[in-house]
Protein backbone atom coordinates (compact mmCIF):
# COMPACT_ATOMS: atom_id res chain seq x y z
CA MET A 1 -9.19 20.76 10.96
CA SER A 2 -12.71 21.91 11.72
CA PHE A 3 -14.66 23.77 9.09
CA ALA A 4 -17.48 26.21 9.88
CA GLY A 5 -18.13 27.67 6.46
CA SER A 6 -19.20 26.32 3.12
CA SER A 7 -17.61 24.71 0.11
CA ILE A 8 -18.33 24.49 -3.57
CA ILE A 9 -16.99 22.20 -6.30
CA VAL A 10 -16.07 23.57 -9.70
CA ASP A 11 -14.72 21.86 -12.80
CA LEU A 12 -12.12 24.05 -14.49
CA ASN A 13 -10.49 23.89 -17.88
CA ILE A 14 -8.41 27.05 -18.33
CA SER A 15 -5.90 27.02 -21.17
CA ALA A 16 -2.33 28.15 -20.61
CA GLU A 17 -3.03 31.24 -22.73
CA GLU A 18 -6.08 32.18 -20.66
CA TYR A 19 -4.24 31.64 -17.39
CA LEU A 20 -1.37 33.79 -18.68
CA LYS A 21 -3.86 36.66 -19.06
CA LEU A 22 -4.87 36.15 -15.42
CA TYR A 23 -1.25 35.97 -14.33
CA GLN A 24 -0.31 39.12 -16.21
CA GLY A 25 -3.06 41.03 -14.47
CA SER A 26 -5.57 41.64 -17.25
CA ALA A 27 -8.04 39.80 -15.01
CA SER A 28 -7.73 39.27 -11.26
CA SER A 29 -10.52 36.78 -10.69
CA VAL A 30 -12.04 33.66 -12.18
CA LEU A 31 -15.76 33.34 -12.79
CA ALA A 32 -17.00 29.75 -12.82
CA ARG A 33 -20.17 27.73 -12.46
CA SER A 34 -20.25 25.10 -9.75
CA ARG A 35 -21.51 21.57 -10.17
CA ASP A 36 -24.71 22.61 -8.41
CA ARG A 37 -25.15 25.48 -10.93
CA ARG A 38 -24.14 28.36 -8.63
CA THR A 39 -21.92 31.08 -10.06
CA ILE A 40 -18.75 31.78 -8.15
CA ARG A 41 -15.97 34.34 -8.48
CA PHE A 42 -12.64 33.74 -6.77
CA PRO A 43 -9.10 35.17 -6.89
CA ALA A 44 -7.08 33.87 -9.84
CA GLN A 45 -3.88 33.62 -7.83
CA VAL A 46 -5.26 30.74 -5.74
CA LEU A 47 -4.85 28.52 -8.81
CA ARG A 48 -1.07 29.01 -9.07
CA PRO A 49 -0.17 25.71 -7.36
CA PHE A 50 -2.27 23.85 -9.95
CA VAL A 51 -0.95 25.46 -13.14
CA THR A 52 0.80 23.21 -15.64
CA ARG A 53 2.19 24.11 -19.03
CA ASP A 54 -1.26 23.22 -20.40
CA GLY A 55 -3.08 25.54 -17.98
CA VAL A 56 -5.42 24.52 -15.16
CA SER A 57 -7.70 21.55 -15.51
CA GLY A 58 -9.66 19.41 -13.07
CA ALA A 59 -12.18 19.45 -10.27
CA PHE A 60 -11.56 21.74 -7.31
CA CYS A 61 -13.25 22.24 -3.96
CA ILE A 62 -13.22 25.86 -2.82
CA TYR A 63 -13.76 26.56 0.87
CA PHE A 64 -15.20 29.79 2.29
CA ASP A 65 -15.73 31.06 5.80
CA LYS A 66 -19.14 32.06 7.14
CA ASN A 67 -18.68 35.53 5.57
CA MET A 68 -18.00 33.97 2.14
CA LYS A 69 -14.31 34.93 2.25
CA PHE A 70 -11.97 32.51 0.50
CA LEU A 71 -10.16 30.06 2.79
CA ARG A 72 -8.52 27.45 0.58
CA ILE A 73 -8.79 25.39 -2.58
CA ASP A 74 -8.10 21.67 -2.98
CA ARG A 75 -8.00 19.47 -6.07
CA VAL A 76 -10.56 16.67 -5.86
CA SER A 77 -10.60 13.43 -7.80
């Protein structure tokens, strides 16, 4: 797959209680700081595949197109 946009890596540690607030709609996006100190806001629902009973935790690479529209998110090691 070719990629003509940009990506950013964020480390997330969202508790189950906090993610439940996102899931229930009291917040629709996540605000995070990337490893290179940029601030990023992205849709909360993109984290659904990564939610455990403890919440969401780990490093994630978020990909954007050239217009900064979300493309995909992958867990990184």
